[in-house]
Amino acid sequence: DGNRLLDAASSILQTMKSVSYRYLDYIDPELIKLSSTRIR
């Protein structure tokens, strides 16, 4: 969902000593947004 969630977590992310970010830009964005709730 873009950077919206990371922006909301910015203060928490600053406390993390070692963090990396990965993006699955090469797959359908609808797949990444998919929830198990919808699957059920």
PDB file of all heavy atoms in Angstrom:
ATOM      1  N   ASP A   1       0.829  -1.204   0.000  1.00  0.00           N
ATOM      2  CA  ASP A   1       0.000   0.000   0.000  1.00  0.00           C
ATOM      3  C   ASP A   1       0.868   1.260   0.000  1.00  0.00           C
ATOM      4  O   ASP A   1       0.654   2.191   0.787  1.00  0.00           O
ATOM      5  CB  ASP A   1      -0.939   0.008   1.215  1.00  0.00           C
ATOM      6  CG  ASP A   1      -2.101   0.980   1.023  1.00  0.00           C
ATOM      7  OD1 ASP A   1      -2.296   1.428  -0.119  1.00  0.00           O
ATOM      8  OD2 ASP A   1      -2.786   1.286   2.013  1.00  0.00           O
ATOM      9  N   GLY A   2       1.879   1.275  -0.916  1.00  0.00           N
ATOM     10  CA  GLY A   2       2.745   2.445  -1.014  1.00  0.00           C
ATOM     11  C   GLY A   2       3.558   2.645   0.238  1.00  0.00           C
ATOM     12  O   GLY A   2       3.958   1.694   0.896  1.00  0.00           O
ATOM     13  N   ASN A   3       3.803   3.908   0.603  1.00  0.00           N
ATOM     14  CA  ASN A   3       4.581   4.213   1.803  1.00  0.00           C
ATOM     15  C   ASN A   3       3.699   4.625   2.974  1.00  0.00           C
ATOM     16  O   ASN A   3       4.206   5.034   4.019  1.00  0.00           O
ATOM     17  CB  ASN A   3       5.585   5.332   1.513  1.00  0.00           C
ATOM     18  CG  ASN A   3       6.695   4.880   0.589  1.00  0.00           C
ATOM     19  OD1 ASN A   3       7.164   3.756   0.695  1.00  0.00           O
ATOM     20  ND2 ASN A   3       7.094   5.735  -0.344  1.00  0.00           N
ATOM     21  N   ARG A   4       2.383   4.517   2.813  1.00  0.00           N
ATOM     22  CA  ARG A   4       1.469   5.014   3.839  1.00  0.00           C
ATOM     23  C   ARG A   4       1.725   4.358   5.190  1.00  0.00           C
ATOM     24  O   ARG A   4       1.809   5.032   6.219  1.00  0.00           O
ATOM     25  CB  ARG A   4       0.024   4.777   3.401  1.00  0.00           C
ATOM     26  CG  ARG A   4      -1.019   5.252   4.417  1.00  0.00           C
ATOM     27  CD  ARG A   4      -2.414   4.902   3.936  1.00  0.00           C
ATOM     28  NE  ARG A   4      -2.589   3.461   3.823  1.00  0.00           N
ATOM     29  CZ  ARG A   4      -2.900   2.669   4.853  1.00  0.00           C
ATOM     30  NH1 ARG A   4      -3.026   3.183   6.074  1.00  0.00           N
ATOM     31  NH2 ARG A   4      -3.072   1.374   4.677  1.00  0.00           N
ATOM     32  N   LEU A   5       1.872   3.030   5.189  1.00  0.00           N
ATOM     33  CA  LEU A   5       2.046   2.313   6.454  1.00  0.00           C
ATOM     34  C   LEU A   5       3.387   2.622   7.093  1.00  0.00           C
ATOM     35  O   LEU A   5       3.482   2.786   8.310  1.00  0.00           O
ATOM     36  CB  LEU A   5       1.890   0.810   6.226  1.00  0.00           C
ATOM     37  CG  LEU A   5       0.472   0.348   5.886  1.00  0.00           C
ATOM     38  CD1 LEU A   5       0.467  -1.109   5.466  1.00  0.00           C
ATOM     39  CD2 LEU A   5      -0.463   0.549   7.067  1.00  0.00           C
ATOM     40  N   LEU A   6       4.438   2.704   6.279  1.00  0.00           N
ATOM     41  CA  LEU A   6       5.754   3.021   6.840  1.00  0.00           C
ATOM     42  C   LEU A   6       5.784   4.446   7.383  1.00  0.00           C
ATOM     43  O   LEU A   6       6.430   4.717   8.393  1.00  0.00           O
ATOM     44  CB  LEU A   6       6.838   2.825   5.782  1.00  0.00           C
ATOM     45  CG  LEU A   6       7.130   1.376   5.380  1.00  0.00           C
ATOM     46  CD1 LEU A   6       8.271   1.315   4.384  1.00  0.00           C
ATOM     47  CD2 LEU A   6       7.450   0.529   6.598  1.00  0.00           C
ATOM     48  N   ASP A   7       5.094   5.349   6.729  1.00  0.00           N
ATOM     49  CA  ASP A   7       5.019   6.718   7.246  1.00  0.00           C
ATOM     50  C   ASP A   7       4.345   6.733   8.612  1.00  0.00           C
ATOM     51  O   ASP A   7       4.764   7.449   9.526  1.00  0.00           O
ATOM     52  CB  ASP A   7       4.244   7.611   6.272  1.00  0.00           C
ATOM     53  CG  ASP A   7       5.007   7.881   4.984  1.00  0.00           C
ATOM     54  OD1 ASP A   7       6.231   7.672   4.977  1.00  0.00           O
ATOM     55  OD2 ASP A   7       4.367   8.287   3.998  1.00  0.00           O
ATOM     56  N   ALA A   8       3.304   5.914   8.758  1.00  0.00           N
ATOM     57  CA  ALA A   8       2.585   5.848  10.034  1.00  0.00           C
ATOM     58  C   ALA A   8       3.441   5.242  11.133  1.00  0.00           C
ATOM     59  O   ALA A   8       3.233   5.516  12.316  1.00  0.00           O
ATOM     60  CB  ALA A   8       1.299   5.041   9.868  1.00  0.00           C
ATOM     61  N   ALA A   9       4.416   4.421  10.753  1.00  0.00           N
ATOM     62  CA  ALA A   9       5.264   3.733  11.732  1.00  0.00           C
ATOM     63  C   ALA A   9       6.628   4.387  11.886  1.00  0.00           C
ATOM     64  O   ALA A   9       7.524   3.798  12.493  1.00  0.00           O
ATOM     65  CB  ALA A   9       5.448   2.274  11.317  1.00  0.00           C
ATOM     66  N   SER A  10       6.801   5.598  11.381  1.00  0.00           N
ATOM     67  CA  SER A  10       8.132   6.214  11.324  1.00  0.00           C
ATOM     68  C   SER A  10       8.794   6.325  12.692  1.00  0.00           C
ATOM     69  O   SER A  10       9.997   6.070  12.835  1.00  0.00           O
ATOM     70  CB  SER A  10       8.042   7.597  10.671  1.00  0.00           C
ATOM     71  OG  SER A  10       7.163   8.439  11.401  1.00  0.00           O
ATOM     72  N   SER A  11       8.025   6.681  13.732  1.00  0.00           N
ATOM     73  CA  SER A  11       8.635   6.830  15.061  1.00  0.00           C
ATOM     74  C   SER A  11       9.107   5.496  15.608  1.00  0.00           C
ATOM     75  O   SER A  11      10.123   5.415  16.302  1.00  0.00           O
ATOM     76  CB  SER A  11       7.637   7.479  16.032  1.00  0.00           C
ATOM     77  OG  SER A  11       6.481   6.665  16.166  1.00  0.00           O
ATOM     78  N   ILE A  12       8.370   4.422  15.295  1.00  0.00           N
ATOM     79  CA  ILE A  12       8.764   3.083  15.738  1.00  0.00           C
ATOM     80  C   ILE A  12       9.989   2.617  14.968  1.00  0.00           C
ATOM     81  O   ILE A  12      10.924   2.039  15.538  1.00  0.00           O
ATOM     82  CB  ILE A  12       7.606   2.090  15.554  1.00  0.00           C
ATOM     83  CG1 ILE A  12       6.410   2.520  16.404  1.00  0.00           C
ATOM     84  CG2 ILE A  12       8.032   0.673  15.931  1.00  0.00           C
ATOM     85  CD1 ILE A  12       5.157   1.707  16.147  1.00  0.00           C
ATOM     86  N   LEU A  13      10.015   2.881  13.663  1.00  0.00           N
ATOM     87  CA  LEU A  13      11.132   2.439  12.832  1.00  0.00           C
ATOM     88  C   LEU A  13      12.450   3.044  13.299  1.00  0.00           C
ATOM     89  O   LEU A  13      13.500   2.421  13.186  1.00  0.00           O
ATOM     90  CB  LEU A  13      10.875   2.805  11.367  1.00  0.00           C
ATOM     91  CG  LEU A  13       9.652   2.157  10.710  1.00  0.00           C
ATOM     92  CD1 LEU A  13       9.467   2.676   9.302  1.00  0.00           C
ATOM     93  CD2 LEU A  13       9.782   0.642  10.704  1.00  0.00           C
ATOM     94  N   GLN A  14      12.400   4.250  13.847  1.00  0.00           N
ATOM     95  CA  GLN A  14      13.617   4.913  14.312  1.00  0.00           C
ATOM     96  C   GLN A  14      14.252   4.194  15.493  1.00  0.00           C
ATOM     97  O   GLN A  14      15.438   4.373  15.770  1.00  0.00           O
ATOM     98  CB  GLN A  14      13.305   6.365  14.682  1.00  0.00           C
ATOM     99  CG  GLN A  14      12.947   7.235  13.480  1.00  0.00           C
ATOM    100  CD  GLN A  14      12.492   8.627  13.880  1.00  0.00           C
ATOM    101  OE1 GLN A  14      12.562   9.003  15.061  1.00  0.00           O
ATOM    102  NE2 GLN A  14      12.019   9.398  12.922  1.00  0.00           N
ATOM    103  N   THR A  15      13.471   3.369  16.191  1.00  0.00           N
ATOM    104  CA  THR A  15      14.017   2.637  17.344  1.00  0.00           C
ATOM    105  C   THR A  15      14.726   1.355  16.921  1.00  0.00           C
ATOM    106  O   THR A  15      15.415   0.745  17.727  1.00  0.00           O
ATOM    107  CB  THR A  15      12.900   2.262  18.342  1.00  0.00           C
ATOM    108  OG1 THR A  15      12.041   1.272  17.756  1.00  0.00           O
ATOM    109  CG2 THR A  15      12.063   3.484  18.709  1.00  0.00           C
ATOM    110  N   MET A  16      14.533   0.936  15.670  1.00  0.00           N
ATOM    111  CA  MET A  16      15.100  -0.329  15.215  1.00  0.00           C
ATOM    112  C   MET A  16      16.570  -0.152  14.854  1.00  0.00           C
ATOM    113  O   MET A  16      16.919   0.665  14.005  1.00  0.00           O
ATOM    114  CB  MET A  16      14.315  -0.857  14.008  1.00  0.00           C
ATOM    115  CG  MET A  16      12.871  -1.189  14.331  1.00  0.00           C
ATOM    116  SD  MET A  16      11.949  -1.809  12.894  1.00  0.00           S
ATOM    117  CE  MET A  16      10.327  -2.108  13.617  1.00  0.00           C
ATOM    118  N   LYS A  17      17.405  -0.931  15.520  1.00  0.00           N
ATOM    119  CA  LYS A  17      18.848  -0.807  15.321  1.00  0.00           C
ATOM    120  C   LYS A  17      19.270  -1.262  13.938  1.00  0.00           C
ATOM    121  O   LYS A  17      20.162  -0.680  13.308  1.00  0.00           O
ATOM    122  CB  LYS A  17      19.587  -1.616  16.393  1.00  0.00           C
ATOM    123  CG  LYS A  17      21.102  -1.494  16.325  1.00  0.00           C
ATOM    124  CD  LYS A  17      21.757  -2.283  17.442  1.00  0.00           C
ATOM    125  CE  LYS A  17      23.276  -2.152  17.382  1.00  0.00           C
ATOM    126  NZ  LYS A  17      23.925  -2.935  18.478  1.00  0.00           N
ATOM    127  N   SER A  18      18.636  -2.322  13.429  1.00  0.00           N
ATOM    128  CA  SER A  18      19.003  -2.879  12.128  1.00  0.00           C
ATOM    129  C   SER A  18      17.724  -3.239  11.385  1.00  0.00           C
ATOM    130  O   SER A  18      16.982  -4.126  11.807  1.00  0.00           O
ATOM    131  CB  SER A  18      19.880  -4.125  12.297  1.00  0.00           C
ATOM    132  OG  SER A  18      20.166  -4.720  11.054  1.00  0.00           O
ATOM    133  N   VAL A  19      17.437  -2.533  10.305  1.00  0.00           N
ATOM    134  CA  VAL A  19      16.201  -2.748   9.568  1.00  0.00           C
ATOM    135  C   VAL A  19      16.466  -2.620   8.076  1.00  0.00           C
ATOM    136  O   VAL A  19      17.318  -1.828   7.649  1.00  0.00           O
ATOM    137  CB  VAL A  19      15.107  -1.744  10.024  1.00  0.00           C
ATOM    138  CG1 VAL A  19      15.534  -0.318   9.776  1.00  0.00           C
ATOM    139  CG2 VAL A  19      13.783  -2.048   9.357  1.00  0.00           C
ATOM    140  N   SER A  20      15.786  -3.425   7.282  1.00  0.00           N
ATOM    141  CA  SER A  20      15.869  -3.303   5.833  1.00  0.00           C
ATOM    142  C   SER A  20      14.470  -3.430   5.258  1.00  0.00           C
ATOM    143  O   SER A  20      13.565  -3.984   5.890  1.00  0.00           O
ATOM    144  CB  SER A  20      16.796  -4.368   5.233  1.00  0.00           C
ATOM    145  OG  SER A  20      16.324  -5.672   5.529  1.00  0.00           O
ATOM    146  N   TYR A  21      14.288  -2.883   4.062  1.00  0.00           N
ATOM    147  CA  TYR A  21      12.979  -2.850   3.428  1.00  0.00           C
ATOM    148  C   TYR A  21      13.036  -3.587   2.099  1.00  0.00           C
ATOM    149  O   TYR A  21      13.996  -3.464   1.347  1.00  0.00           O
ATOM    150  CB  TYR A  21      12.530  -1.401   3.200  1.00  0.00           C
ATOM    151  CG  TYR A  21      12.554  -0.573   4.454  1.00  0.00           C
ATOM    152  CD1 TYR A  21      13.671   0.182   4.792  1.00  0.00           C
ATOM    153  CD2 TYR A  21      11.466  -0.566   5.326  1.00  0.00           C
ATOM    154  CE1 TYR A  21      13.709   0.931   5.961  1.00  0.00           C
ATOM    155  CE2 TYR A  21      11.488   0.175   6.491  1.00  0.00           C
ATOM    156  CZ  TYR A  21      12.614   0.924   6.809  1.00  0.00           C
ATOM    157  OH  TYR A  21      12.642   1.652   7.953  1.00  0.00           O
ATOM    158  N   ARG A  22      11.989  -4.356   1.837  1.00  0.00           N
ATOM    159  CA  ARG A  22      11.917  -5.070   0.572  1.00  0.00           C
ATOM    160  C   ARG A  22      10.567  -4.768  -0.078  1.00  0.00           C
ATOM    161  O   ARG A  22       9.558  -4.608   0.607  1.00  0.00           O
ATOM    162  CB  ARG A  22      12.104  -6.576   0.757  1.00  0.00           C
ATOM    163  CG  ARG A  22      13.474  -6.938   1.337  1.00  0.00           C
ATOM    164  CD  ARG A  22      13.762  -8.426   1.211  1.00  0.00           C
ATOM    165  NE  ARG A  22      13.878  -8.860  -0.166  1.00  0.00           N
ATOM    166  CZ  ARG A  22      14.980  -8.724  -0.901  1.00  0.00           C
ATOM    167  NH1 ARG A  22      16.065  -8.149  -0.396  1.00  0.00           N
ATOM    168  NH2 ARG A  22      15.014  -9.161  -2.142  1.00  0.00           N
ATOM    169  N   TYR A  23      10.597  -4.671  -1.390  1.00  0.00           N
ATOM    170  CA  TYR A  23       9.407  -4.315  -2.157  1.00  0.00           C
ATOM    171  C   TYR A  23       9.204  -5.351  -3.256  1.00  0.00           C
ATOM    172  O   TYR A  23      10.158  -5.721  -3.950  1.00  0.00           O
ATOM    173  CB  TYR A  23       9.564  -2.923  -2.780  1.00  0.00           C
ATOM    174  CG  TYR A  23       9.848  -1.835  -1.776  1.00  0.00           C
ATOM    175  CD1 TYR A  23      11.151  -1.570  -1.351  1.00  0.00           C
ATOM    176  CD2 TYR A  23       8.819  -1.075  -1.232  1.00  0.00           C
ATOM    177  CE1 TYR A  23      11.420  -0.582  -0.417  1.00  0.00           C
ATOM    178  CE2 TYR A  23       9.076  -0.079  -0.294  1.00  0.00           C
ATOM    179  CZ  TYR A  23      10.377   0.163   0.107  1.00  0.00           C
ATOM    180  OH  TYR A  23      10.641   1.131   1.032  1.00  0.00           O
ATOM    181  N   LEU A  24       7.982  -5.787  -3.415  1.00  0.00           N
ATOM    182  CA  LEU A  24       7.657  -6.751  -4.463  1.00  0.00           C
ATOM    183  C   LEU A  24       6.998  -5.999  -5.626  1.00  0.00           C
ATOM    184  O   LEU A  24       5.833  -6.208  -5.961  1.00  0.00           O
ATOM    185  CB  LEU A  24       6.735  -7.838  -3.913  1.00  0.00           C
ATOM    186  CG  LEU A  24       7.313  -8.673  -2.771  1.00  0.00           C
ATOM    187  CD1 LEU A  24       6.286  -9.667  -2.255  1.00  0.00           C
ATOM    188  CD2 LEU A  24       8.577  -9.404  -3.213  1.00  0.00           C
ATOM    189  N   ASP A  25       7.774  -5.139  -6.237  1.00  0.00           N
ATOM    190  CA  ASP A  25       7.240  -4.287  -7.297  1.00  0.00           C
ATOM    191  C   ASP A  25       6.901  -5.056  -8.562  1.00  0.00           C
ATOM    192  O   ASP A  25       6.189  -4.550  -9.422  1.00  0.00           O
ATOM    193  CB  ASP A  25       8.246  -3.183  -7.647  1.00  0.00           C
ATOM    194  CG  ASP A  25       8.506  -2.240  -6.482  1.00  0.00           C
ATOM    195  OD1 ASP A  25       7.603  -2.111  -5.638  1.00  0.00           O
ATOM    196  OD2 ASP A  25       9.599  -1.664  -6.412  1.00  0.00           O
ATOM    197  N   TYR A  26       7.447  -6.275  -8.683  1.00  0.00           N
ATOM    198  CA  TYR A  26       7.304  -7.003  -9.936  1.00  0.00           C
ATOM    199  C   TYR A  26       6.061  -7.891  -9.964  1.00  0.00           C
ATOM    200  O   TYR A  26       5.839  -8.615 -10.927  1.00  0.00           O
ATOM    201  CB  TYR A  26       8.540  -7.878 -10.181  1.00  0.00           C
ATOM    202  CG  TYR A  26       8.924  -8.741  -8.999  1.00  0.00           C
ATOM    203  CD1 TYR A  26       8.365 -10.002  -8.808  1.00  0.00           C
ATOM    204  CD2 TYR A  26       9.843  -8.282  -8.063  1.00  0.00           C
ATOM    205  CE1 TYR A  26       8.697 -10.776  -7.720  1.00  0.00           C
ATOM    206  CE2 TYR A  26      10.189  -9.054  -6.965  1.00  0.00           C
ATOM    207  CZ  TYR A  26       9.626 -10.295  -6.800  1.00  0.00           C
ATOM    208  OH  TYR A  26       9.958 -11.052  -5.714  1.00  0.00           O
ATOM    209  N   ILE A  27       5.239  -7.874  -8.920  1.00  0.00           N
ATOM    210  CA  ILE A  27       4.026  -8.691  -8.928  1.00  0.00           C
ATOM    211  C   ILE A  27       2.808  -7.782  -8.857  1.00  0.00           C
ATOM    212  O   ILE A  27       2.911  -6.582  -8.591  1.00  0.00           O
ATOM    213  CB  ILE A  27       4.005  -9.707  -7.766  1.00  0.00           C
ATOM    214  CG1 ILE A  27       3.883  -8.979  -6.419  1.00  0.00           C
ATOM    215  CG2 ILE A  27       5.237 -10.583  -7.782  1.00  0.00           C
ATOM    216  CD1 ILE A  27       3.666  -9.929  -5.269  1.00  0.00           C
ATOM    217  N   ASP A  28       1.664  -8.359  -9.084  1.00  0.00           N
ATOM    218  CA  ASP A  28       0.405  -7.627  -9.062  1.00  0.00           C
ATOM    219  C   ASP A  28       0.233  -6.922  -7.708  1.00  0.00           C
ATOM    220  O   ASP A  28       0.216  -7.574  -6.667  1.00  0.00           O
ATOM    221  CB  ASP A  28      -0.747  -8.611  -9.291  1.00  0.00           C
ATOM    222  CG  ASP A  28      -2.110  -7.940  -9.332  1.00  0.00           C
ATOM    223  OD1 ASP A  28      -2.195  -6.732  -9.066  1.00  0.00           O
ATOM    224  OD2 ASP A  28      -3.098  -8.641  -9.625  1.00  0.00           O
ATOM    225  N   PRO A  29       0.105  -5.587  -7.699  1.00  0.00           N
ATOM    226  CA  PRO A  29      -0.041  -4.881  -6.416  1.00  0.00           C
ATOM    227  C   PRO A  29      -1.271  -5.319  -5.632  1.00  0.00           C
ATOM    228  O   PRO A  29      -1.291  -5.229  -4.403  1.00  0.00           O
ATOM    229  CB  PRO A  29      -0.127  -3.404  -6.824  1.00  0.00           C
ATOM    230  CG  PRO A  29      -0.417  -3.398  -8.278  1.00  0.00           C
ATOM    231  CD  PRO A  29       0.153  -4.666  -8.834  1.00  0.00           C
ATOM    232  N   GLU A  30      -2.290  -5.807  -6.332  1.00  0.00           N
ATOM    233  CA  GLU A  30      -3.477  -6.285  -5.629  1.00  0.00           C
ATOM    234  C   GLU A  30      -3.164  -7.520  -4.787  1.00  0.00           C
ATOM    235  O   GLU A  30      -3.818  -7.778  -3.778  1.00  0.00           O
ATOM    236  CB  GLU A  30      -4.592  -6.592  -6.631  1.00  0.00           C
ATOM    237  CG  GLU A  30      -5.158  -5.356  -7.307  1.00  0.00           C
ATOM    238  CD  GLU A  30      -5.690  -4.343  -6.302  1.00  0.00           C
ATOM    239  OE1 GLU A  30      -6.426  -4.752  -5.378  1.00  0.00           O
ATOM    240  OE2 GLU A  30      -5.374  -3.147  -6.439  1.00  0.00           O
ATOM    241  N   LEU A  31      -2.164  -8.280  -5.221  1.00  0.00           N
ATOM    242  CA  LEU A  31      -1.784  -9.477  -4.474  1.00  0.00           C
ATOM    243  C   LEU A  31      -1.173  -9.095  -3.135  1.00  0.00           C
ATOM    244  O   LEU A  31      -1.466  -9.721  -2.100  1.00  0.00           O
ATOM    245  CB  LEU A  31      -0.792 -10.304  -5.297  1.00  0.00           C
ATOM    246  CG  LEU A  31      -0.270 -11.598  -4.648  1.00  0.00           C
ATOM    247  CD1 LEU A  31      -1.421 -12.534  -4.334  1.00  0.00           C
ATOM    248  CD2 LEU A  31       0.725 -12.279  -5.572  1.00  0.00           C
ATOM    249  N   ILE A  32      -0.324  -8.078  -3.115  1.00  0.00           N
ATOM    250  CA  ILE A  32       0.315  -7.654  -1.872  1.00  0.00           C
ATOM    251  C   ILE A  32      -0.710  -7.080  -0.898  1.00  0.00           C
ATOM    252  O   ILE A  32      -0.590  -7.223   0.318  1.00  0.00           O
ATOM    253  CB  ILE A  32       1.425  -6.630  -2.176  1.00  0.00           C
ATOM    254  CG1 ILE A  32       2.549  -7.316  -2.940  1.00  0.00           C
ATOM    255  CG2 ILE A  32       1.979  -6.019  -0.898  1.00  0.00           C
ATOM    256  CD1 ILE A  32       3.173  -8.482  -2.212  1.00  0.00           C
ATOM    257  N   LYS A  33      -1.742  -6.436  -1.411  1.00  0.00           N
ATOM    258  CA  LYS A  33      -2.776  -5.865  -0.545  1.00  0.00           C
ATOM    259  C   LYS A  33      -3.742  -6.931  -0.024  1.00  0.00           C
ATOM    260  O   LYS A  33      -4.523  -6.667   0.884  1.00  0.00           O
ATOM    261  CB  LYS A  33      -3.573  -4.803  -1.310  1.00  0.00           C
ATOM    262  CG  LYS A  33      -2.774  -3.584  -1.728  1.00  0.00           C
ATOM    263  CD  LYS A  33      -3.657  -2.620  -2.499  1.00  0.00           C
ATOM    264  CE  LYS A  33      -2.862  -1.416  -3.001  1.00  0.00           C
ATOM    265  NZ  LYS A  33      -3.715  -0.484  -3.771  1.00  0.00           N
ATOM    266  N   LEU A  34      -3.693  -8.106  -0.614  1.00  0.00           N
ATOM    267  CA  LEU A  34      -4.659  -9.153  -0.301  1.00  0.00           C
ATOM    268  C   LEU A  34      -4.560  -9.590   1.166  1.00  0.00           C
ATOM    269  O   LEU A  34      -3.471  -9.740   1.709  1.00  0.00           O
ATOM    270  CB  LEU A  34      -4.418 -10.356  -1.208  1.00  0.00           C
ATOM    271  CG  LEU A  34      -5.442 -11.480  -1.174  1.00  0.00           C
ATOM    272  CD1 LEU A  34      -6.790 -10.976  -1.667  1.00  0.00           C
ATOM    273  CD2 LEU A  34      -4.963 -12.636  -2.028  1.00  0.00           C
ATOM    274  N   SER A  35      -5.695  -9.814   1.775  1.00  0.00           N
ATOM    275  CA  SER A  35      -5.733 -10.286   3.160  1.00  0.00           C
ATOM    276  C   SER A  35      -6.313 -11.691   3.212  1.00  0.00           C
ATOM    277  O   SER A  35      -7.114 -12.091   2.361  1.00  0.00           O
ATOM    278  CB  SER A  35      -6.592  -9.349   4.024  1.00  0.00           C
ATOM    279  OG  SER A  35      -7.961  -9.465   3.672  1.00  0.00           O
ATOM    280  N   SER A  36      -5.914 -12.421   4.249  1.00  0.00           N
ATOM    281  CA  SER A  36      -6.476 -13.753   4.450  1.00  0.00           C
ATOM    282  C   SER A  36      -7.965 -13.678   4.772  1.00  0.00           C
ATOM    283  O   SER A  36      -8.713 -14.620   4.500  1.00  0.00           O
ATOM    284  CB  SER A  36      -5.731 -14.476   5.580  1.00  0.00           C
ATOM    285  OG  SER A  36      -4.407 -14.777   5.196  1.00  0.00           O
ATOM    286  N   THR A  37      -8.403 -12.555   5.344  1.00  0.00           N
ATOM    287  CA  THR A  37      -9.825 -12.376   5.623  1.00  0.00           C
ATOM    288  C   THR A  37     -10.641 -12.450   4.342  1.00  0.00           C
ATOM    289  O   THR A  37     -11.675 -13.138   4.276  1.00  0.00           O
ATOM    290  CB  THR A  37     -10.074 -11.026   6.314  1.00  0.00           C
ATOM    291  OG1 THR A  37      -9.338 -10.978   7.539  1.00  0.00           O
ATOM    292  CG2 THR A  37     -11.554 -10.834   6.601  1.00  0.00           C
ATOM    293  N   ARG A  38     -10.173 -11.769   3.310  1.00  0.00           N
ATOM    294  CA  ARG A  38     -10.886 -11.806   2.038  1.00  0.00           C
ATOM    295  C   ARG A  38     -10.858 -13.208   1.434  1.00  0.00           C
ATOM    296  O   ARG A  38     -11.853 -13.675   0.881  1.00  0.00           O
ATOM    297  CB  ARG A  38     -10.280 -10.800   1.054  1.00  0.00           C
ATOM    298  CG  ARG A  38     -11.025 -10.764  -0.272  1.00  0.00           C
ATOM    299  CD  ARG A  38     -10.443  -9.725  -1.208  1.00  0.00           C
ATOM    300  NE  ARG A  38     -10.599  -8.383  -0.685  1.00  0.00           N
ATOM    301  CZ  ARG A  38     -10.178  -7.289  -1.332  1.00  0.00           C
ATOM    302  NH1 ARG A  38      -9.560  -7.409  -2.504  1.00  0.00           N
ATOM    303  NH2 ARG A  38     -10.369  -6.101  -0.819  1.00  0.00           N
ATOM    304  N   ILE A  39      -9.717 -13.886   1.558  1.00  0.00           N
ATOM    305  CA  ILE A  39      -9.613 -15.251   1.050  1.00  0.00           C
ATOM    306  C   ILE A  39     -10.650 -16.143   1.726  1.00  0.00           C
ATOM    307  O   ILE A  39     -11.346 -16.938   1.070  1.00  0.00           O
ATOM    308  CB  ILE A  39      -8.199 -15.816   1.282  1.00  0.00           C
ATOM    309  CG1 ILE A  39      -7.169 -15.061   0.432  1.00  0.00           C
ATOM    310  CG2 ILE A  39      -8.152 -17.311   0.994  1.00  0.00           C
ATOM    311  CD1 ILE A  39      -7.290 -15.303  -1.041  1.00  0.00           C
ATOM    312  N   ARG A  40     -10.776 -16.030   3.030  1.00  0.00           N
ATOM    313  CA  ARG A  40     -11.745 -16.860   3.760  1.00  0.00           C
ATOM    314  C   ARG A  40     -13.171 -16.553   3.308  1.00  0.00           C
ATOM    315  O   ARG A  40     -14.005 -17.458   3.196  1.00  0.00           O
ATOM    316  CB  ARG A  40     -11.594 -16.645   5.270  1.00  0.00           C
ATOM    317  CG  ARG A  40     -10.276 -17.137   5.841  1.00  0.00           C
ATOM    318  CD  ARG A  40     -10.309 -17.178   7.358  1.00  0.00           C
ATOM    319  NE  ARG A  40     -10.478 -15.875   7.963  1.00  0.00           N
ATOM    320  CZ  ARG A  40      -9.478 -15.045   8.263  1.00  0.00           C
ATOM    321  NH1 ARG A  40      -8.219 -15.396   7.994  1.00  0.00           N
ATOM    322  NH2 ARG A  40      -9.717 -13.879   8.839  1.00  0.00           N
TER     323      ARG A  40
END
